[in-house]
PDB file of N, CA and C in Angstrom:
ATOM      1  N   MET A   1       0.846  -1.158   0.000  1.00  0.00           N
ATOM      2  CA  MET A   1       0.000   0.000   0.000  1.00  0.00           C
ATOM      3  C   MET A   1       0.904   1.239   0.000  1.00  0.00           C
ATOM      4  N   PRO A   2       0.584   2.238  -0.830  1.00  0.00           N
ATOM      5  CA  PRO A   2       1.431   3.431  -0.899  1.00  0.00           C
ATOM      6  C   PRO A   2       1.240   4.308   0.342  1.00  0.00           C
ATOM      7  N   GLU A   3       2.315   4.992   0.741  1.00  0.00           N
ATOM      8  CA  GLU A   3       2.244   5.899   1.888  1.00  0.00           C
ATOM      9  C   GLU A   3       1.874   7.293   1.406  1.00  0.00           C
ATOM     10  N   SER A   4       1.071   7.974   2.210  1.00  0.00           N
ATOM     11  CA  SER A   4       0.687   9.342   1.846  1.00  0.00           C
ATOM     12  C   SER A   4       1.792  10.321   2.225  1.00  0.00           C
ATOM     13  N   LYS A   5       1.832  11.425   1.511  1.00  0.00           N
ATOM     14  CA  LYS A   5       2.822  12.448   1.818  1.00  0.00           C
ATOM     15  C   LYS A   5       2.432  13.130   3.125  1.00  0.00           C
ATOM     16  N   GLY A   6       3.430  13.479   3.891  1.00  0.00           N
ATOM     17  CA  GLY A   6       3.149  14.212   5.128  1.00  0.00           C
ATOM     18  C   GLY A   6       2.822  15.675   4.832  1.00  0.00           C
ATOM     19  N   ARG A   7       1.938  16.206   5.569  1.00  0.00           N
ATOM     20  CA  ARG A   7       1.591  17.620   5.380  1.00  0.00           C
ATOM     21  C   ARG A   7       2.561  18.486   6.165  1.00  0.00           C
ATOM     22  N   GLU A   8       2.854  19.619   5.601  1.00  0.00           N
ATOM     23  CA  GLU A   8       3.694  20.557   6.331  1.00  0.00           C
ATOM     24  C   GLU A   8       2.828  21.299   7.346  1.00  0.00           C
ATOM     25  N   LYS A   9       3.253  21.246   8.576  1.00  0.00           N
ATOM     26  CA  LYS A   9       2.493  21.937   9.621  1.00  0.00           C
ATOM     27  C   LYS A   9       3.082  23.329   9.818  1.00  0.00           C
ATOM     28  N   ARG A  10       2.201  24.269  10.021  1.00  0.00           N
ATOM     29  CA  ARG A  10       2.660  25.617  10.288  1.00  0.00           C
ATOM     30  C   ARG A  10       3.170  25.699  11.719  1.00  0.00           C
ATOM     31  N   ALA A  11       4.084  26.613  11.956  1.00  0.00           N
ATOM     32  CA  ALA A  11       4.601  26.822  13.304  1.00  0.00           C
ATOM     33  C   ALA A  11       3.464  27.350  14.181  1.00  0.00           C
ATOM     34  N   TYR A  12       3.454  26.903  15.411  1.00  0.00           N
ATOM     35  CA  TYR A  12       2.406  27.321  16.352  1.00  0.00           C
ATOM     36  C   TYR A  12       2.569  28.804  16.691  1.00  0.00           C
ATOM     37  N   THR A  13       1.499  29.555  16.531  1.00  0.00           N
ATOM     38  CA  THR A  13       1.501  30.957  16.951  1.00  0.00           C
ATOM     39  C   THR A  13       0.405  31.119  17.991  1.00  0.00           C
ATOM     40  N   PRO A  14       0.782  31.510  19.183  1.00  0.00           N
ATOM     41  CA  PRO A  14      -0.227  31.654  20.234  1.00  0.00           C
ATOM     42  C   PRO A  14      -1.166  32.809  19.914  1.00  0.00           C
ATOM     43  N   PRO A  15      -2.384  32.732  20.424  1.00  0.00           N
ATOM     44  CA  PRO A  15      -3.322  33.830  20.179  1.00  0.00           C
ATOM     45  C   PRO A  15      -2.827  35.105  20.868  1.00  0.00           C
ATOM     46  N   PRO A  16      -3.215  36.247  20.347  1.00  0.00           N
ATOM     47  CA  PRO A  16      -2.750  37.500  20.959  1.00  0.00           C
ATOM     48  C   PRO A  16      -3.291  37.634  22.387  1.00  0.00           C
ATOM     49  N   LYS A  17      -2.457  38.220  23.244  1.00  0.00           N
ATOM     50  CA  LYS A  17      -2.857  38.383  24.634  1.00  0.00           C
ATOM     51  C   LYS A  17      -3.881  39.503  24.737  1.00  0.00           C
ATOM     52  N   PRO A  18      -4.926  39.283  25.526  1.00  0.00           N
ATOM     53  CA  PRO A  18      -5.909  40.357  25.685  1.00  0.00           C
ATOM     54  C   PRO A  18      -5.296  41.517  26.471  1.00  0.00           C
ATOM     55  N   ALA A  19      -5.762  42.692  26.157  1.00  0.00           N
ATOM     56  CA  ALA A  19      -5.260  43.880  26.861  1.00  0.00           C
ATOM     57  C   ALA A  19      -5.692  43.819  28.316  1.00  0.00           C
ATOM     58  N   LYS A  20      -4.772  44.130  29.205  1.00  0.00           N
ATOM     59  CA  LYS A  20      -5.094  44.107  30.625  1.00  0.00           C
ATOM     60  C   LYS A  20      -5.958  45.307  30.970  1.00  0.00           C
ATOM     61  N   ALA A  21      -6.884  45.066  31.872  1.00  0.00           N
ATOM     62  CA  ALA A  21      -7.738  46.150  32.330  1.00  0.00           C
ATOM     63  C   ALA A  21      -6.914  47.143  33.142  1.00  0.00           C
ATOM     64  N   LYS A  22      -7.267  48.387  33.033  1.00  0.00           N
ATOM     65  CA  LYS A  22      -6.552  49.425  33.761  1.00  0.00           C
ATOM     66  C   LYS A  22      -6.816  49.265  35.252  1.00  0.00           C
ATOM     67  N   VAL A  23      -5.748  49.150  36.011  1.00  0.00           N
ATOM     68  CA  VAL A  23      -5.871  49.003  37.449  1.00  0.00           C
ATOM     69  C   VAL A  23      -5.709  50.379  38.074  1.00  0.00           C
ATOM     70  N   GLY A  24      -6.637  50.724  38.918  1.00  0.00           N
ATOM     71  CA  GLY A  24      -6.560  52.023  39.578  1.00  0.00           C
ATOM     72  C   GLY A  24      -7.866  52.774  39.422  1.00  0.00           C
ATOM     73  N   ASN A  25      -7.903  53.905  40.048  1.00  0.00           N
ATOM     74  CA  ASN A  25      -9.090  54.734  40.025  1.00  0.00           C
ATOM     75  C   ASN A  25      -8.827  56.002  39.227  1.00  0.00           C
ATOM     76  N   PRO A  26      -9.906  56.667  38.820  1.00  0.00           N
ATOM     77  CA  PRO A  26      -9.710  57.949  38.155  1.00  0.00           C
ATOM     78  C   PRO A  26      -9.113  58.967  39.133  1.00  0.00           C
ATOM     79  N   PRO A  27      -8.512  60.007  38.623  1.00  0.00           N
ATOM     80  CA  PRO A  27      -7.824  60.956  39.504  1.00  0.00           C
ATOM     81  C   PRO A  27      -8.741  61.683  40.484  1.00  0.00           C
ATOM     82  N   TRP A  28     -10.028  61.759  40.223  1.00  0.00           N
ATOM     83  CA  TRP A  28     -10.942  62.477  41.112  1.00  0.00           C
ATOM     84  C   TRP A  28     -11.389  61.624  42.294  1.00  0.00           C
ATOM     85  N   PHE A  29     -11.122  60.343  42.280  1.00  0.00           N
ATOM     86  CA  PHE A  29     -11.692  59.426  43.267  1.00  0.00           C
ATOM     87  C   PHE A  29     -11.220  59.722  44.695  1.00  0.00           C
ATOM     88  N   VAL A  30      -9.924  59.809  44.906  1.00  0.00           N
ATOM     89  CA  VAL A  30      -9.389  60.013  46.258  1.00  0.00           C
ATOM     90  C   VAL A  30      -9.780  61.375  46.819  1.00  0.00           C
ATOM     91  N   PRO A  31      -9.691  62.469  46.056  1.00  0.00           N
ATOM     92  CA  PRO A  31     -10.131  63.741  46.626  1.00  0.00           C
ATOM     93  C   PRO A  31     -11.606  63.755  47.035  1.00  0.00           C
ATOM     94  N   VAL A  32     -12.464  63.131  46.235  1.00  0.00           N
ATOM     95  CA  VAL A  32     -13.891  63.080  46.589  1.00  0.00           C
ATOM     96  C   VAL A  32     -14.089  62.240  47.847  1.00  0.00           C
ATOM     97  N   MET A  33     -13.403  61.123  47.936  1.00  0.00           N
ATOM     98  CA  MET A  33     -13.507  60.248  49.105  1.00  0.00           C
ATOM     99  C   MET A  33     -13.095  60.992  50.373  1.00  0.00           C
ATOM    100  N   LEU A  34     -11.958  61.645  50.342  1.00  0.00           N
ATOM    101  CA  LEU A  34     -11.476  62.373  51.515  1.00  0.00           C
ATOM    102  C   LEU A  34     -12.369  63.561  51.847  1.00  0.00           C
ATOM    103  N   THR A  35     -12.865  64.237  50.820  1.00  0.00           N
ATOM    104  CA  THR A  35     -13.745  65.382  51.045  1.00  0.00           C
ATOM    105  C   THR A  35     -15.032  64.954  51.731  1.00  0.00           C
ATOM    106  N   LEU A  36     -15.607  63.841  51.322  1.00  0.00           N
ATOM    107  CA  LEU A  36     -16.828  63.359  51.967  1.00  0.00           C
ATOM    108  C   LEU A  36     -16.589  63.036  53.440  1.00  0.00           C
ATOM    109  N   MET A  37     -15.485  62.387  53.745  1.00  0.00           N
ATOM    110  CA  MET A  37     -15.210  62.033  55.138  1.00  0.00           C
ATOM    111  C   MET A  37     -14.952  63.275  55.991  1.00  0.00           C
ATOM    112  N   VAL A  38     -14.189  64.220  55.480  1.00  0.00           N
ATOM    113  CA  VAL A  38     -13.891  65.435  56.246  1.00  0.00           C
ATOM    114  C   VAL A  38     -15.140  66.300  56.376  1.00  0.00           C
ATOM    115  N   LEU A  39     -15.934  66.413  55.314  1.00  0.00           N
ATOM    116  CA  LEU A  39     -17.156  67.207  55.373  1.00  0.00           C
ATOM    117  C   LEU A  39     -18.138  66.631  56.396  1.00  0.00           C
ATOM    118  N   GLY A  40     -18.256  65.323  56.447  1.00  0.00           N
ATOM    119  CA  GLY A  40     -19.111  64.694  57.447  1.00  0.00           C
ATOM    120  C   GLY A  40     -18.626  64.966  58.855  1.00  0.00           C
ATOM    121  N   LEU A  41     -17.329  64.903  59.055  1.00  0.00           N
ATOM    122  CA  LEU A  41     -16.755  65.182  60.374  1.00  0.00           C
ATOM    123  C   LEU A  41     -17.010  66.629  60.775  1.00  0.00           C
ATOM    124  N   VAL A  42     -16.780  67.554  59.857  1.00  0.00           N
ATOM    125  CA  VAL A  42     -17.015  68.975  60.138  1.00  0.00           C
ATOM    126  C   VAL A  42     -18.497  69.220  60.428  1.00  0.00           C
ATOM    127  N   TRP A  43     -19.375  68.531  59.720  1.00  0.00           N
ATOM    128  CA  TRP A  43     -20.825  68.671  59.925  1.00  0.00           C
ATOM    129  C   TRP A  43     -21.199  68.278  61.348  1.00  0.00           C
ATOM    130  N   VAL A  44     -20.721  67.138  61.796  1.00  0.00           N
ATOM    131  CA  VAL A  44     -21.052  66.657  63.141  1.00  0.00           C
ATOM    132  C   VAL A  44     -20.428  67.550  64.206  1.00  0.00           C
ATOM    133  N   VAL A  45     -19.177  67.941  64.031  1.00  0.00           N
ATOM    134  CA  VAL A  45     -18.509  68.801  65.018  1.00  0.00           C
ATOM    135  C   VAL A  45     -19.210  70.159  65.097  1.00  0.00           C
ATOM    136  N   THR A  46     -19.588  70.717  63.948  1.00  0.00           N
ATOM    137  CA  THR A  46     -20.316  71.987  63.939  1.00  0.00           C
ATOM    138  C   THR A  46     -21.642  71.860  64.671  1.00  0.00           C
ATOM    139  N   PHE A  47     -22.328  70.758  64.495  1.00  0.00           N
ATOM    140  CA  PHE A  47     -23.609  70.522  65.167  1.00  0.00           C
ATOM    141  C   PHE A  47     -23.438  70.532  66.681  1.00  0.00           C
ATOM    142  N   TYR A  48     -22.398  69.900  67.176  1.00  0.00           N
ATOM    143  CA  TYR A  48     -22.176  69.855  68.622  1.00  0.00           C
ATOM    144  C   TYR A  48     -21.654  71.175  69.177  1.00  0.00           C
ATOM    145  N   ILE A  49     -20.736  71.814  68.485  1.00  0.00           N
ATOM    146  CA  ILE A  49     -20.138  73.055  68.993  1.00  0.00           C
ATOM    147  C   ILE A  49     -21.163  74.181  69.068  1.00  0.00           C
ATOM    148  N   THR A  50     -22.083  74.245  68.114  1.00  0.00           N
ATOM    149  CA  THR A  50     -23.060  75.342  68.076  1.00  0.00           C
ATOM    150  C   THR A  50     -24.326  75.013  68.861  1.00  0.00           C
ATOM    151  N   SER A  51     -24.274  74.062  69.747  1.00  0.00           N
ATOM    152  CA  SER A  51     -25.433  73.688  70.570  1.00  0.00           C
ATOM    153  C   SER A  51     -26.654  73.336  69.723  1.00  0.00           C
ATOM    154  N   GLN A  52     -26.443  72.599  68.691  1.00  0.00           N
ATOM    155  CA  GLN A  52     -27.475  72.046  67.821  1.00  0.00           C
ATOM    156  C   GLN A  52     -28.249  73.109  67.042  1.00  0.00           C
ATOM    157  N   ARG A  53     -27.602  74.249  66.742  1.00  0.00           N
ATOM    158  CA  ARG A  53     -28.262  75.294  65.952  1.00  0.00           C
ATOM    159  C   ARG A  53     -27.817  75.279  64.496  1.00  0.00           C
ATOM    160  N   PHE A  54     -26.635  74.811  64.219  1.00  0.00           N
ATOM    161  CA  PHE A  54     -26.124  74.769  62.846  1.00  0.00           C
ATOM    162  C   PHE A  54     -25.726  73.353  62.532  1.00  0.00           C
ATOM    163  N   PRO A  55     -25.550  72.912  61.386  1.00  0.00           N
ATOM    164  CA  PRO A  55     -25.663  73.514  60.071  1.00  0.00           C
ATOM    165  C   PRO A  55     -27.111  73.791  59.650  1.00  0.00           C
ATOM    166  N   ILE A  56     -28.081  72.930  59.985  1.00  0.00           N
ATOM    167  CA  ILE A  56     -29.481  73.181  59.615  1.00  0.00           C
ATOM    168  C   ILE A  56     -30.313  73.001  60.880  1.00  0.00           C
ATOM    169  N   GLU A  57     -30.787  74.105  61.434  1.00  0.00           N
ATOM    170  CA  GLU A  57     -31.483  74.044  62.719  1.00  0.00           C
ATOM    171  C   GLU A  57     -32.821  73.314  62.614  1.00  0.00           C
ATOM    172  N   SER A  58     -33.501  73.434  61.509  1.00  0.00           N
ATOM    173  CA  SER A  58     -34.865  72.893  61.402  1.00  0.00           C
ATOM    174  C   SER A  58     -34.912  71.365  61.404  1.00  0.00           C
ATOM    175  N   ILE A  59     -33.835  70.689  61.075  1.00  0.00           N
ATOM    176  CA  ILE A  59     -33.897  69.223  61.049  1.00  0.00           C
ATOM    177  C   ILE A  59     -33.409  68.602  62.355  1.00  0.00           C
ATOM    178  N   GLY A  60     -32.959  69.424  63.276  1.00  0.00           N
ATOM    179  CA  GLY A  60     -32.605  68.948  64.612  1.00  0.00           C
ATOM    180  C   GLY A  60     -31.527  67.888  64.615  1.00  0.00           C
ATOM    181  N   ARG A  61     -31.826  66.787  65.286  1.00  0.00           N
ATOM    182  CA  ARG A  61     -30.812  65.732  65.430  1.00  0.00           C
ATOM    183  C   ARG A  61     -30.552  64.949  64.152  1.00  0.00           C
ATOM    184  N   TRP A  62     -31.336  65.180  63.134  1.00  0.00           N
ATOM    185  CA  TRP A  62     -31.057  64.539  61.853  1.00  0.00           C
ATOM    186  C   TRP A  62     -29.768  65.069  61.240  1.00  0.00           C
ATOM    187  N   ASN A  63     -29.269  66.173  61.800  1.00  0.00           N
ATOM    188  CA  ASN A  63     -27.951  66.650  61.372  1.00  0.00           C
ATOM    189  C   ASN A  63     -26.882  65.588  61.626  1.00  0.00           C
ATOM    190  N   LEU A  64     -27.044  64.848  62.709  1.00  0.00           N
ATOM    191  CA  LEU A  64     -26.093  63.762  62.979  1.00  0.00           C
ATOM    192  C   LEU A  64     -26.155  62.701  61.882  1.00  0.00           C
ATOM    193  N   ALA A  65     -27.375  62.369  61.470  1.00  0.00           N
ATOM    194  CA  ALA A  65     -27.529  61.374  60.403  1.00  0.00           C
ATOM    195  C   ALA A  65     -26.903  61.874  59.099  1.00  0.00           C
ATOM    196  N   ALA A  66     -27.080  63.172  58.820  1.00  0.00           N
ATOM    197  CA  ALA A  66     -26.489  63.735  57.597  1.00  0.00           C
ATOM    198  C   ALA A  66     -24.963  63.680  57.665  1.00  0.00           C
ATOM    199  N   GLY A  67     -24.393  64.056  58.808  1.00  0.00           N
ATOM    200  CA  GLY A  67     -22.939  64.028  58.956  1.00  0.00           C
ATOM    201  C   GLY A  67     -22.384  62.623  58.875  1.00  0.00           C
ATOM    202  N   PHE A  68     -23.011  61.693  59.591  1.00  0.00           N
ATOM    203  CA  PHE A  68     -22.535  60.315  59.545  1.00  0.00           C
ATOM    204  C   PHE A  68     -22.788  59.688  58.179  1.00  0.00           C
ATOM    205  N   GLY A  69     -23.846  60.113  57.503  1.00  0.00           N
ATOM    206  CA  GLY A  69     -24.088  59.630  56.138  1.00  0.00           C
ATOM    207  C   GLY A  69     -22.984  60.046  55.182  1.00  0.00           C
ATOM    208  N   LEU A  70     -22.542  61.292  55.317  1.00  0.00           N
ATOM    209  CA  LEU A  70     -21.429  61.755  54.482  1.00  0.00           C
ATOM    210  C   LEU A  70     -20.163  60.959  54.792  1.00  0.00           C
ATOM    211  N   MET A  71     -19.903  60.738  56.067  1.00  0.00           N
ATOM    212  CA  MET A  71     -18.706  59.975  56.434  1.00  0.00           C
ATOM    213  C   MET A  71     -18.791  58.542  55.927  1.00  0.00           C
ATOM    214  N   MET A  72     -19.963  57.938  56.020  1.00  0.00           N
ATOM    215  CA  MET A  72     -20.114  56.556  55.559  1.00  0.00           C
ATOM    216  C   MET A  72     -19.992  56.457  54.036  1.00  0.00           C
ATOM    217  N   ALA A  73     -20.456  57.472  53.326  1.00  0.00           N
ATOM    218  CA  ALA A  73     -20.284  57.471  51.866  1.00  0.00           C
ATOM    219  C   ALA A  73     -18.800  57.508  51.510  1.00  0.00           C
ATOM    220  N   GLY A  74     -18.044  58.329  52.231  1.00  0.00           N
ATOM    221  CA  GLY A  74     -16.602  58.366  51.998  1.00  0.00           C
ATOM    222  C   GLY A  74     -15.943  57.052  52.368  1.00  0.00           C
ATOM    223  N   PHE A  75     -16.381  56.465  53.481  1.00  0.00           N
ATOM    224  CA  PHE A  75     -15.828  55.181  53.892  1.00  0.00           C
ATOM    225  C   PHE A  75     -16.181  54.078  52.894  1.00  0.00           C
ATOM    226  N   ALA A  76     -17.390  54.110  52.351  1.00  0.00           N
ATOM    227  CA  ALA A  76     -17.784  53.118  51.355  1.00  0.00           C
ATOM    228  C   ALA A  76     -16.904  53.224  50.099  1.00  0.00           C
ATOM    229  N   MET A  77     -16.487  54.435  49.782  1.00  0.00           N
ATOM    230  CA  MET A  77     -15.604  54.611  48.631  1.00  0.00           C
ATOM    231  C   MET A  77     -14.239  53.983  48.870  1.00  0.00           C
ATOM    232  N   THR A  78     -13.812  53.887  50.142  1.00  0.00           N
ATOM    233  CA  THR A  78     -12.497  53.291  50.402  1.00  0.00           C
ATOM    234  C   THR A  78     -12.468  51.817  50.024  1.00  0.00           C
ATOM    235  N   THR A  79     -13.617  51.164  49.993  1.00  0.00           N
ATOM    236  CA  THR A  79     -13.636  49.746  49.616  1.00  0.00           C
ATOM    237  C   THR A  79     -13.370  49.554  48.126  1.00  0.00           C
ATOM    238  N   ARG A  80     -13.558  50.596  47.330  1.00  0.00           N
ATOM    239  CA  ARG A  80     -13.304  50.521  45.884  1.00  0.00           C
ATOM    240  C   ARG A  80     -11.959  51.112  45.480  1.00  0.00           C
ATOM    241  N   TRP A  81     -11.227  51.630  46.446  1.00  0.00           N
ATOM    242  CA  TRP A  81      -9.964  52.303  46.158  1.00  0.00           C
ATOM    243  C   TRP A  81      -8.896  51.283  45.807  1.00  0.00           C
ATOM    244  N   ARG A  82      -8.200  51.492  44.717  1.00  0.00           N
ATOM    245  CA  ARG A  82      -7.127  50.586  44.288  1.00  0.00           C
ATOM    246  C   ARG A  82      -5.846  51.344  44.125  1.00  0.00           C
TER     247      ARG A  82
END
C-alpha cells in the first residue's frame, strides 16, 4: 500500500494576549472620598459646637444622620480604592 505524503504543519503561533484592564481609580476618586469624610466630620462637630443650631437648625438631630451619612459614603468609597 502506498504511503501518503506528510503535510507541512505551520509553526504554532499563540493567540494575541488580551489587553489588561486598567488598574486604579480615576484621579478624582481620592479627593472626593477624603472630602466626603472630612465634610461629614465637620458637619457633626459643627452641630455639637453650636449647641445644635447649625448647620441646619430645622432638622434637629437629623444633622447627625447627615454628617454620619457623608462619612459613611466616603468610607464606602475606600472599599473601591485601588
